[in-house]
Amino acid sequence: MNILIKVLGTGCAKCKQTTEVIQQVVNENKLKIEIEKVEDIMKIMEYNVMSTPAVVMNDEVVIKGRVPSKEEIKEILLANKTIEDLDKPSEGCCSNNTCC
């Protein structure tokens, strides 16, 4: 599944901070997620967002008007099954620390 996260904002400090937080979560979890910054006010208005920064995941506004925490971004990604639960063994060969 391709995930696209858009950060809506005109380039203010909070918008840049939001982008950094998302990038940190993506990097720390080695996720293949595309992050796009949207600074055009007309494109931002297409999402009916009146306060920025805002975060859009796959065309759905998930956060608006504030900088999210790393934990909040992780929760959103988990809810969308982007980060797999690392505690669960994967199915198939080697799932129980043994190999065929």
PDB file of N, CA and C in Angstrom:
ATOM      1  N   MET A   1       0.835  -1.165   0.000  1.00  0.00           N
ATOM      2  CA  MET A   1       0.000   0.000   0.000  1.00  0.00           C
ATOM      3  C   MET A   1       0.888   1.239   0.000  1.00  0.00           C
ATOM      4  N   ASN A   2       0.659   2.129  -0.955  1.00  0.00           N
ATOM      5  CA  ASN A   2       1.398   3.379  -0.998  1.00  0.00           C
ATOM      6  C   ASN A   2       0.709   4.394  -0.105  1.00  0.00           C
ATOM      7  N   ILE A   3       1.469   4.991   0.770  1.00  0.00           N
ATOM      8  CA  ILE A   3       0.933   5.987   1.679  1.00  0.00           C
ATOM      9  C   ILE A   3       1.501   7.342   1.271  1.00  0.00           C
ATOM     10  N   LEU A   4       0.635   8.318   1.141  1.00  0.00           N
ATOM     11  CA  LEU A   4       1.044   9.687   0.858  1.00  0.00           C
ATOM     12  C   LEU A   4       0.561  10.557   1.994  1.00  0.00           C
ATOM     13  N   ILE A   5       1.486  11.258   2.618  1.00  0.00           N
ATOM     14  CA  ILE A   5       1.145  12.204   3.674  1.00  0.00           C
ATOM     15  C   ILE A   5       1.466  13.593   3.148  1.00  0.00           C
ATOM     16  N   LYS A   6       0.473  14.470   3.231  1.00  0.00           N
ATOM     17  CA  LYS A   6       0.660  15.856   2.828  1.00  0.00           C
ATOM     18  C   LYS A   6       0.634  16.730   4.071  1.00  0.00           C
ATOM     19  N   VAL A   7       1.575  17.656   4.134  1.00  0.00           N
ATOM     20  CA  VAL A   7       1.583  18.651   5.202  1.00  0.00           C
ATOM     21  C   VAL A   7       1.125  19.950   4.558  1.00  0.00           C
ATOM     22  N   LEU A   8      -0.035  20.430   5.008  1.00  0.00           N
ATOM     23  CA  LEU A   8      -0.597  21.651   4.468  1.00  0.00           C
ATOM     24  C   LEU A   8      -0.168  22.829   5.320  1.00  0.00           C
ATOM     25  N   GLY A   9       0.413  23.821   4.695  1.00  0.00           N
ATOM     26  CA  GLY A   9       0.834  25.014   5.416  1.00  0.00           C
ATOM     27  C   GLY A   9       1.631  25.928   4.514  1.00  0.00           C
ATOM     28  N   THR A  10       1.667  27.188   4.874  1.00  0.00           N
ATOM     29  CA  THR A  10       2.302  28.191   4.026  1.00  0.00           C
ATOM     30  C   THR A  10       3.807  28.308   4.225  1.00  0.00           C
ATOM     31  N   GLY A  11       4.386  27.439   4.990  1.00  0.00           N
ATOM     32  CA  GLY A  11       5.834  27.474   5.199  1.00  0.00           C
ATOM     33  C   GLY A  11       6.251  28.076   6.524  1.00  0.00           C
ATOM     34  N   CYS A  12       5.309  28.231   7.443  1.00  0.00           N
ATOM     35  CA  CYS A  12       5.625  28.791   8.758  1.00  0.00           C
ATOM     36  C   CYS A  12       6.453  27.785   9.578  1.00  0.00           C
ATOM     37  N   ALA A  13       6.925  28.243  10.714  1.00  0.00           N
ATOM     38  CA  ALA A  13       7.760  27.393  11.571  1.00  0.00           C
ATOM     39  C   ALA A  13       7.017  26.142  12.029  1.00  0.00           C
ATOM     40  N   LYS A  14       5.729  26.273  12.370  1.00  0.00           N
ATOM     41  CA  LYS A  14       4.963  25.117  12.835  1.00  0.00           C
ATOM     42  C   LYS A  14       4.743  24.108  11.711  1.00  0.00           C
ATOM     43  N   CYS A  15       4.598  24.600  10.498  1.00  0.00           N
ATOM     44  CA  CYS A  15       4.435  23.702   9.351  1.00  0.00           C
ATOM     45  C   CYS A  15       5.726  22.925   9.112  1.00  0.00           C
ATOM     46  N   LYS A  16       6.840  23.611   9.217  1.00  0.00           N
ATOM     47  CA  LYS A  16       8.138  22.951   9.053  1.00  0.00           C
ATOM     48  C   LYS A  16       8.367  21.941  10.174  1.00  0.00           C
ATOM     49  N   GLN A  17       7.969  22.290  11.395  1.00  0.00           N
ATOM     50  CA  GLN A  17       8.117  21.383  12.536  1.00  0.00           C
ATOM     51  C   GLN A  17       7.261  20.133  12.339  1.00  0.00           C
ATOM     52  N   THR A  18       6.060  20.305  11.808  1.00  0.00           N
ATOM     53  CA  THR A  18       5.174  19.171  11.547  1.00  0.00           C
ATOM     54  C   THR A  18       5.813  18.227  10.536  1.00  0.00           C
ATOM     55  N   THR A  19       6.383  18.778   9.485  1.00  0.00           N
ATOM     56  CA  THR A  19       7.059  17.966   8.472  1.00  0.00           C
ATOM     57  C   THR A  19       8.224  17.202   9.094  1.00  0.00           C
ATOM     58  N   GLU A  20       8.983  17.865   9.957  1.00  0.00           N
ATOM     59  CA  GLU A  20      10.125  17.221  10.621  1.00  0.00           C
ATOM     60  C   GLU A  20       9.682  16.070  11.512  1.00  0.00           C
ATOM     61  N   VAL A  21       8.600  16.260  12.267  1.00  0.00           N
ATOM     62  CA  VAL A  21       8.091  15.212  13.153  1.00  0.00           C
ATOM     63  C   VAL A  21       7.696  13.984  12.334  1.00  0.00           C
ATOM     64  N   ILE A  22       6.971  14.208  11.259  1.00  0.00           N
ATOM     65  CA  ILE A  22       6.538  13.095  10.415  1.00  0.00           C
ATOM     66  C   ILE A  22       7.746  12.398   9.808  1.00  0.00           C
ATOM     67  N   GLN A  23       8.717  13.163   9.331  1.00  0.00           N
ATOM     68  CA  GLN A  23       9.915  12.581   8.720  1.00  0.00           C
ATOM     69  C   GLN A  23      10.679  11.741   9.738  1.00  0.00           C
ATOM     70  N   GLN A  24      10.758  12.197  10.993  1.00  0.00           N
ATOM     71  CA  GLN A  24      11.439  11.431  12.042  1.00  0.00           C
ATOM     72  C   GLN A  24      10.762  10.082  12.251  1.00  0.00           C
ATOM     73  N   VAL A  25       9.430  10.070  12.336  1.00  0.00           N
ATOM     74  CA  VAL A  25       8.696   8.817  12.537  1.00  0.00           C
ATOM     75  C   VAL A  25       8.917   7.882  11.350  1.00  0.00           C
ATOM     76  N   VAL A  26       8.863   8.420  10.152  1.00  0.00           N
ATOM     77  CA  VAL A  26       9.082   7.616   8.946  1.00  0.00           C
ATOM     78  C   VAL A  26      10.481   7.017   8.968  1.00  0.00           C
ATOM     79  N   ASN A  27      11.488   7.828   9.274  1.00  0.00           N
ATOM     80  CA  ASN A  27      12.872   7.351   9.299  1.00  0.00           C
ATOM     81  C   ASN A  27      13.106   6.329  10.410  1.00  0.00           C
ATOM     82  N   GLU A  28      12.604   6.611  11.614  1.00  0.00           N
ATOM     83  CA  GLU A  28      12.813   5.716  12.749  1.00  0.00           C
ATOM     84  C   GLU A  28      12.172   4.353  12.538  1.00  0.00           C
ATOM     85  N   ASN A  29      11.081   4.306  11.796  1.00  0.00           N
ATOM     86  CA  ASN A  29      10.372   3.049  11.567  1.00  0.00           C
ATOM     87  C   ASN A  29      10.630   2.467  10.188  1.00  0.00           C
ATOM     88  N   LYS A  30      11.548   3.102   9.457  1.00  0.00           N
ATOM     89  CA  LYS A  30      11.948   2.627   8.119  1.00  0.00           C
ATOM     90  C   LYS A  30      10.732   2.378   7.225  1.00  0.00           C
ATOM     91  N   LEU A  31       9.869   3.392   7.164  1.00  0.00           N
ATOM     92  CA  LEU A  31       8.643   3.279   6.394  1.00  0.00           C
ATOM     93  C   LEU A  31       8.835   3.845   4.993  1.00  0.00           C
ATOM     94  N   LYS A  32       8.111   3.286   4.073  1.00  0.00           N
ATOM     95  CA  LYS A  32       8.131   3.786   2.700  1.00  0.00           C
ATOM     96  C   LYS A  32       6.893   4.651   2.518  1.00  0.00           C
ATOM     97  N   ILE A  33       7.021   5.881   2.942  1.00  0.00           N
ATOM     98  CA  ILE A  33       5.914   6.827   2.891  1.00  0.00           C
ATOM     99  C   ILE A  33       6.408   8.084   2.189  1.00  0.00           C
ATOM    100  N   GLU A  34       5.604   8.572   1.288  1.00  0.00           N
ATOM    101  CA  GLU A  34       5.930   9.809   0.592  1.00  0.00           C
ATOM    102  C   GLU A  34       5.353  10.973   1.379  1.00  0.00           C
ATOM    103  N   ILE A  35       6.172  11.997   1.614  1.00  0.00           N
ATOM    104  CA  ILE A  35       5.726  13.194   2.316  1.00  0.00           C
ATOM    105  C   ILE A  35       5.785  14.356   1.331  1.00  0.00           C
ATOM    106  N   GLU A  36       4.662  15.031   1.224  1.00  0.00           N
ATOM    107  CA  GLU A  36       4.566  16.156   0.295  1.00  0.00           C
ATOM    108  C   GLU A  36       4.157  17.403   1.067  1.00  0.00           C
ATOM    109  N   LYS A  37       4.867  18.506   0.826  1.00  0.00           N
ATOM    110  CA  LYS A  37       4.506  19.781   1.446  1.00  0.00           C
ATOM    111  C   LYS A  37       3.632  20.552   0.464  1.00  0.00           C
ATOM    112  N   VAL A  38       2.489  21.013   0.940  1.00  0.00           N
ATOM    113  CA  VAL A  38       1.571  21.789   0.113  1.00  0.00           C
ATOM    114  C   VAL A  38       1.516  23.198   0.699  1.00  0.00           C
ATOM    115  N   GLU A  39       2.042  24.166  -0.042  1.00  0.00           N
ATOM    116  CA  GLU A  39       2.102  25.543   0.447  1.00  0.00           C
ATOM    117  C   GLU A  39       1.178  26.484  -0.314  1.00  0.00           C
ATOM    118  N   ASP A  40       0.605  26.029  -1.394  1.00  0.00           N
ATOM    119  CA  ASP A  40      -0.310  26.844  -2.196  1.00  0.00           C
ATOM    120  C   ASP A  40      -1.635  26.979  -1.446  1.00  0.00           C
ATOM    121  N   ILE A  41      -1.999  28.215  -1.121  1.00  0.00           N
ATOM    122  CA  ILE A  41      -3.197  28.460  -0.311  1.00  0.00           C
ATOM    123  C   ILE A  41      -4.464  27.954  -0.996  1.00  0.00           C
ATOM    124  N   MET A  42      -4.535  28.017  -2.302  1.00  0.00           N
ATOM    125  CA  MET A  42      -5.721  27.533  -3.016  1.00  0.00           C
ATOM    126  C   MET A  42      -5.852  26.012  -2.887  1.00  0.00           C
ATOM    127  N   LYS A  43      -4.726  25.303  -2.942  1.00  0.00           N
ATOM    128  CA  LYS A  43      -4.758  23.841  -2.773  1.00  0.00           C
ATOM    129  C   LYS A  43      -5.097  23.474  -1.331  1.00  0.00           C
ATOM    130  N   ILE A  44      -4.598  24.257  -0.380  1.00  0.00           N
ATOM    131  CA  ILE A  44      -4.914  24.019   1.031  1.00  0.00           C
ATOM    132  C   ILE A  44      -6.411  24.185   1.261  1.00  0.00           C
ATOM    133  N   MET A  45      -6.996  25.201   0.641  1.00  0.00           N
ATOM    134  CA  MET A  45      -8.421  25.464   0.814  1.00  0.00           C
ATOM    135  C   MET A  45      -9.291  24.350   0.225  1.00  0.00           C
ATOM    136  N   GLU A  46      -8.758  23.591  -0.724  1.00  0.00           N
ATOM    137  CA  GLU A  46      -9.503  22.463  -1.291  1.00  0.00           C
ATOM    138  C   GLU A  46      -9.817  21.408  -0.225  1.00  0.00           C
ATOM    139  N   TYR A  47      -9.035  21.389   0.853  1.00  0.00           N
ATOM    140  CA  TYR A  47      -9.241  20.428   1.940  1.00  0.00           C
ATOM    141  C   TYR A  47     -10.129  21.007   3.042  1.00  0.00           C
ATOM    142  N   ASN A  48     -10.680  22.199   2.832  1.00  0.00           N
ATOM    143  CA  ASN A  48     -11.515  22.873   3.832  1.00  0.00           C
ATOM    144  C   ASN A  48     -10.780  23.064   5.156  1.00  0.00           C
ATOM    145  N   VAL A  49      -9.507  23.370   5.075  1.00  0.00           N
ATOM    146  CA  VAL A  49      -8.681  23.609   6.256  1.00  0.00           C
ATOM    147  C   VAL A  49      -8.498  25.114   6.403  1.00  0.00           C
ATOM    148  N   MET A  50      -8.885  25.631   7.551  1.00  0.00           N
ATOM    149  CA  MET A  50      -8.767  27.064   7.792  1.00  0.00           C
ATOM    150  C   MET A  50      -7.612  27.408   8.726  1.00  0.00           C
ATOM    151  N   SER A  51      -7.045  26.406   9.396  1.00  0.00           N
ATOM    152  CA  SER A  51      -5.894  26.650  10.259  1.00  0.00           C
ATOM    153  C   SER A  51      -4.837  25.596   9.977  1.00  0.00           C
ATOM    154  N   THR A  52      -3.604  26.060   9.871  1.00  0.00           N
ATOM    155  CA  THR A  52      -2.487  25.178   9.571  1.00  0.00           C
ATOM    156  C   THR A  52      -1.526  25.174  10.743  1.00  0.00           C
ATOM    157  N   PRO A  53      -0.662  24.188  10.831  1.00  0.00           N
ATOM    158  CA  PRO A  53      -0.459  23.105   9.875  1.00  0.00           C
ATOM    159  C   PRO A  53      -1.585  22.076   9.930  1.00  0.00           C
ATOM    160  N   ALA A  54      -1.717  21.372   8.827  1.00  0.00           N
ATOM    161  CA  ALA A  54      -2.667  20.265   8.756  1.00  0.00           C
ATOM    162  C   ALA A  54      -1.959  19.089   8.117  1.00  0.00           C
ATOM    163  N   VAL A  55      -2.399  17.894   8.492  1.00  0.00           N
ATOM    164  CA  VAL A  55      -1.806  16.664   7.956  1.00  0.00           C
ATOM    165  C   VAL A  55      -2.904  15.890   7.242  1.00  0.00           C
ATOM    166  N   VAL A  56      -2.606  15.505   6.014  1.00  0.00           N
ATOM    167  CA  VAL A  56      -3.539  14.749   5.194  1.00  0.00           C
ATOM    168  C   VAL A  56      -2.890  13.419   4.865  1.00  0.00           C
ATOM    169  N   MET A  57      -3.606  12.334   5.144  1.00  0.00           N
ATOM    170  CA  MET A  57      -3.090  11.010   4.806  1.00  0.00           C
ATOM    171  C   MET A  57      -4.034  10.381   3.794  1.00  0.00           C
ATOM    172  N   ASN A  58      -3.498  10.089   2.628  1.00  0.00           N
ATOM    173  CA  ASN A  58      -4.300   9.511   1.548  1.00  0.00           C
ATOM    174  C   ASN A  58      -5.606  10.278   1.343  1.00  0.00           C
ATOM    175  N   ASP A  59      -5.486  11.590   1.238  1.00  0.00           N
ATOM    176  CA  ASP A  59      -6.586  12.514   0.953  1.00  0.00           C
ATOM    177  C   ASP A  59      -7.605  12.672   2.080  1.00  0.00           C
ATOM    178  N   GLU A  60      -7.277  12.271   3.302  1.00  0.00           N
ATOM    179  CA  GLU A  60      -8.143  12.484   4.450  1.00  0.00           C
ATOM    180  C   GLU A  60      -7.410  13.351   5.470  1.00  0.00           C
ATOM    181  N   VAL A  61      -8.030  14.458   5.871  1.00  0.00           N
ATOM    182  CA  VAL A  61      -7.433  15.334   6.877  1.00  0.00           C
ATOM    183  C   VAL A  61      -7.479  14.620   8.224  1.00  0.00           C
ATOM    184  N   VAL A  62      -6.299  14.392   8.820  1.00  0.00           N
ATOM    185  CA  VAL A  62      -6.240  13.672  10.090  1.00  0.00           C
ATOM    186  C   VAL A  62      -5.839  14.575  11.257  1.00  0.00           C
ATOM    187  N   ILE A  63      -5.211  15.711  10.966  1.00  0.00           N
ATOM    188  CA  ILE A  63      -4.805  16.670  11.995  1.00  0.00           C
ATOM    189  C   ILE A  63      -4.909  18.058  11.374  1.00  0.00           C
ATOM    190  N   LYS A  64      -5.396  19.022  12.152  1.00  0.00           N
ATOM    191  CA  LYS A  64      -5.376  20.393  11.646  1.00  0.00           C
ATOM    192  C   LYS A  64      -5.221  21.388  12.783  1.00  0.00           C
ATOM    193  N   GLY A  65      -4.485  22.444  12.484  1.00  0.00           N
ATOM    194  CA  GLY A  65      -4.339  23.554  13.410  1.00  0.00           C
ATOM    195  C   GLY A  65      -3.308  23.400  14.502  1.00  0.00           C
ATOM    196  N   ARG A  66      -2.475  22.359  14.431  1.00  0.00           N
ATOM    197  CA  ARG A  66      -1.462  22.172  15.484  1.00  0.00           C
ATOM    198  C   ARG A  66      -0.361  21.236  15.012  1.00  0.00           C
ATOM    199  N   VAL A  67       0.742  21.254  15.747  1.00  0.00           N
ATOM    200  CA  VAL A  67       1.862  20.357  15.474  1.00  0.00           C
ATOM    201  C   VAL A  67       1.619  19.054  16.224  1.00  0.00           C
ATOM    202  N   PRO A  68       1.585  17.934  15.520  1.00  0.00           N
ATOM    203  CA  PRO A  68       1.365  16.653  16.196  1.00  0.00           C
ATOM    204  C   PRO A  68       2.633  16.161  16.886  1.00  0.00           C
ATOM    205  N   SER A  69       2.444  15.296  17.866  1.00  0.00           N
ATOM    206  CA  SER A  69       3.592  14.663  18.517  1.00  0.00           C
ATOM    207  C   SER A  69       3.999  13.435  17.695  1.00  0.00           C
ATOM    208  N   LYS A  70       5.189  12.944  17.956  1.00  0.00           N
ATOM    209  CA  LYS A  70       5.642  11.724  17.278  1.00  0.00           C
ATOM    210  C   LYS A  70       4.715  10.566  17.614  1.00  0.00           C
ATOM    211  N   GLU A  71       4.271  10.501  18.874  1.00  0.00           N
ATOM    212  CA  GLU A  71       3.390   9.419  19.295  1.00  0.00           C
ATOM    213  C   GLU A  71       2.058   9.464  18.542  1.00  0.00           C
ATOM    214  N   GLU A  72       1.547  10.673  18.331  1.00  0.00           N
ATOM    215  CA  GLU A  72       0.284  10.817  17.610  1.00  0.00           C
ATOM    216  C   GLU A  72       0.428  10.361  16.151  1.00  0.00           C
ATOM    217  N   ILE A  73       1.540  10.707  15.534  1.00  0.00           N
ATOM    218  CA  ILE A  73       1.782  10.270  14.150  1.00  0.00           C
ATOM    219  C   ILE A  73       1.885   8.751  14.103  1.00  0.00           C
ATOM    220  N   LYS A  74       2.576   8.162  15.076  1.00  0.00           N
ATOM    221  CA  LYS A  74       2.678   6.700  15.127  1.00  0.00           C
ATOM    222  C   LYS A  74       1.301   6.057  15.256  1.00  0.00           C
ATOM    223  N   GLU A  75       0.458   6.619  16.127  1.00  0.00           N
ATOM    224  CA  GLU A  75      -0.896   6.081  16.320  1.00  0.00           C
ATOM    225  C   GLU A  75      -1.706   6.147  15.028  1.00  0.00           C
ATOM    226  N   ILE A  76      -1.590   7.238  14.314  1.00  0.00           N
ATOM    227  CA  ILE A  76      -2.313   7.389  13.050  1.00  0.00           C
ATOM    228  C   ILE A  76      -1.821   6.361  12.036  1.00  0.00           C
ATOM    229  N   LEU A  77      -0.524   6.172  11.985  1.00  0.00           N
ATOM    230  CA  LEU A  77       0.034   5.197  11.052  1.00  0.00           C
ATOM    231  C   LEU A  77      -0.350   3.780  11.449  1.00  0.00           C
ATOM    232  N   LEU A  78      -0.372   3.491  12.770  1.00  0.00           N
ATOM    233  CA  LEU A  78      -0.804   2.175  13.240  1.00  0.00           C
ATOM    234  C   LEU A  78      -2.264   1.928  12.899  1.00  0.00           C
ATOM    235  N   ALA A  79      -3.083   2.947  13.078  1.00  0.00           N
ATOM    236  CA  ALA A  79      -4.507   2.820  12.769  1.00  0.00           C
ATOM    237  C   ALA A  79      -4.721   2.525  11.289  1.00  0.00           C
ATOM    238  N   ASN A  80      -3.793   2.973  10.468  1.00  0.00           N
ATOM    239  CA  ASN A  80      -3.879   2.735   9.036  1.00  0.00           C
ATOM    240  C   ASN A  80      -3.013   1.550   8.607  1.00  0.00           C
ATOM    241  N   LYS A  81      -2.569   0.765   9.602  1.00  0.00           N
ATOM    242  CA  LYS A  81      -1.772  -0.435   9.365  1.00  0.00           C
ATOM    243  C   LYS A  81      -0.521  -0.154   8.539  1.00  0.00           C
ATOM    244  N   THR A  82       0.126   0.967   8.844  1.00  0.00           N
ATOM    245  CA  THR A  82       1.348   1.327   8.154  1.00  0.00           C
ATOM    246  C   THR A  82       2.568   0.779   8.884  1.00  0.00           C
ATOM    247  N   ILE A  83       2.497   0.783  10.218  1.00  0.00           N
ATOM    248  CA  ILE A  83       3.588   0.231  11.026  1.00  0.00           C
ATOM    249  C   ILE A  83       3.120  -1.123  11.534  1.00  0.00           C
ATOM    250  N   GLU A  84       3.853  -2.163  11.233  1.00  0.00           N
ATOM    251  CA  GLU A  84       3.472  -3.488  11.704  1.00  0.00           C
ATOM    252  C   GLU A  84       3.914  -3.662  13.146  1.00  0.00           C
ATOM    253  N   ASP A  85       3.156  -4.465  13.878  1.00  0.00           N
ATOM    254  CA  ASP A  85       3.489  -4.756  15.262  1.00  0.00           C
ATOM    255  C   ASP A  85       4.725  -5.645  15.278  1.00  0.00           C
ATOM    256  N   LEU A  86       5.839  -5.083  15.733  1.00  0.00           N
ATOM    257  CA  LEU A  86       7.105  -5.822  15.699  1.00  0.00           C
ATOM    258  C   LEU A  86       7.173  -6.937  16.733  1.00  0.00           C
ATOM    259  N   ASP A  87       6.273  -6.917  17.738  1.00  0.00           N
ATOM    260  CA  ASP A  87       6.282  -7.958  18.754  1.00  0.00           C
ATOM    261  C   ASP A  87       5.683  -9.267  18.260  1.00  0.00           C
ATOM    262  N   LYS A  88       4.852  -9.194  17.236  1.00  0.00           N
ATOM    263  CA  LYS A  88       4.221 -10.395  16.719  1.00  0.00           C
ATOM    264  C   LYS A  88       5.149 -11.079  15.728  1.00  0.00           C
ATOM    265  N   PRO A  89       5.328 -12.399  15.861  1.00  0.00           N
ATOM    266  CA  PRO A  89       6.150 -13.083  14.877  1.00  0.00           C
ATOM    267  C   PRO A  89       5.416 -13.135  13.545  1.00  0.00           C
ATOM    268  N   SER A  90       6.192 -13.033  12.484  1.00  0.00           N
ATOM    269  CA  SER A  90       5.572 -13.126  11.170  1.00  0.00           C
ATOM    270  C   SER A  90       5.220 -14.581  10.899  1.00  0.00           C
ATOM    271  N   GLU A  91       4.227 -14.788  10.076  1.00  0.00           N
ATOM    272  CA  GLU A  91       3.805 -16.138   9.765  1.00  0.00           C
ATOM    273  C   GLU A  91       4.742 -16.769   8.743  1.00  0.00           C
ATOM    274  N   GLY A  92       4.799 -18.068   8.763  1.00  0.00           N
ATOM    275  CA  GLY A  92       5.633 -18.773   7.797  1.00  0.00           C
ATOM    276  C   GLY A  92       6.929 -19.230   8.427  1.00  0.00           C
ATOM    277  N   CYS A  93       7.864 -19.543   7.605  1.00  0.00           N
ATOM    278  CA  CYS A  93       9.175 -20.020   8.039  1.00  0.00           C
ATOM    279  C   CYS A  93       9.838 -18.996   8.959  1.00  0.00           C
ATOM    280  N   CYS A  94      10.503 -19.448   9.960  1.00  0.00           N
ATOM    281  CA  CYS A  94      11.259 -18.630  10.903  1.00  0.00           C
ATOM    282  C   CYS A  94      10.374 -17.817  11.855  1.00  0.00           C
ATOM    283  N   SER A  95       9.077 -18.084  11.879  1.00  0.00           N
ATOM    284  CA  SER A  95       8.213 -17.290  12.750  1.00  0.00           C
ATOM    285  C   SER A  95       8.417 -17.613  14.221  1.00  0.00           C
ATOM    286  N   ASN A  96       9.004 -18.720  14.526  1.00  0.00           N
ATOM    287  CA  ASN A  96       9.255 -19.094  15.919  1.00  0.00           C
ATOM    288  C   ASN A  96      10.736 -19.174  16.215  1.00  0.00           C
ATOM    289  N   ASN A  97      11.512 -18.329  15.536  1.00  0.00           N
ATOM    290  CA  ASN A  97      12.973 -18.284  15.690  1.00  0.00           C
ATOM    291  C   ASN A  97      13.627 -19.597  15.282  1.00  0.00           C
ATOM    292  N   THR A  98      12.957 -20.387  14.488  1.00  0.00           N
ATOM    293  CA  THR A  98      13.560 -21.593  13.933  1.00  0.00           C
ATOM    294  C   THR A  98      13.381 -21.529  12.428  1.00  0.00           C
ATOM    295  N   CYS A  99      14.183 -22.235  11.741  1.00  0.00           N
ATOM    296  CA  CYS A  99      14.093 -22.207  10.286  1.00  0.00           C
ATOM    297  C   CYS A  99      14.014 -23.624   9.749  1.00  0.00           C
ATOM    298  N   CYS A 100      13.430 -23.751   8.573  1.00  0.00           N
ATOM    299  CA  CYS A 100      13.218 -25.068   7.971  1.00  0.00           C
ATOM    300  C   CYS A 100      14.526 -25.739   7.663  1.00  0.00           C
TER     301      CYS A 100
END
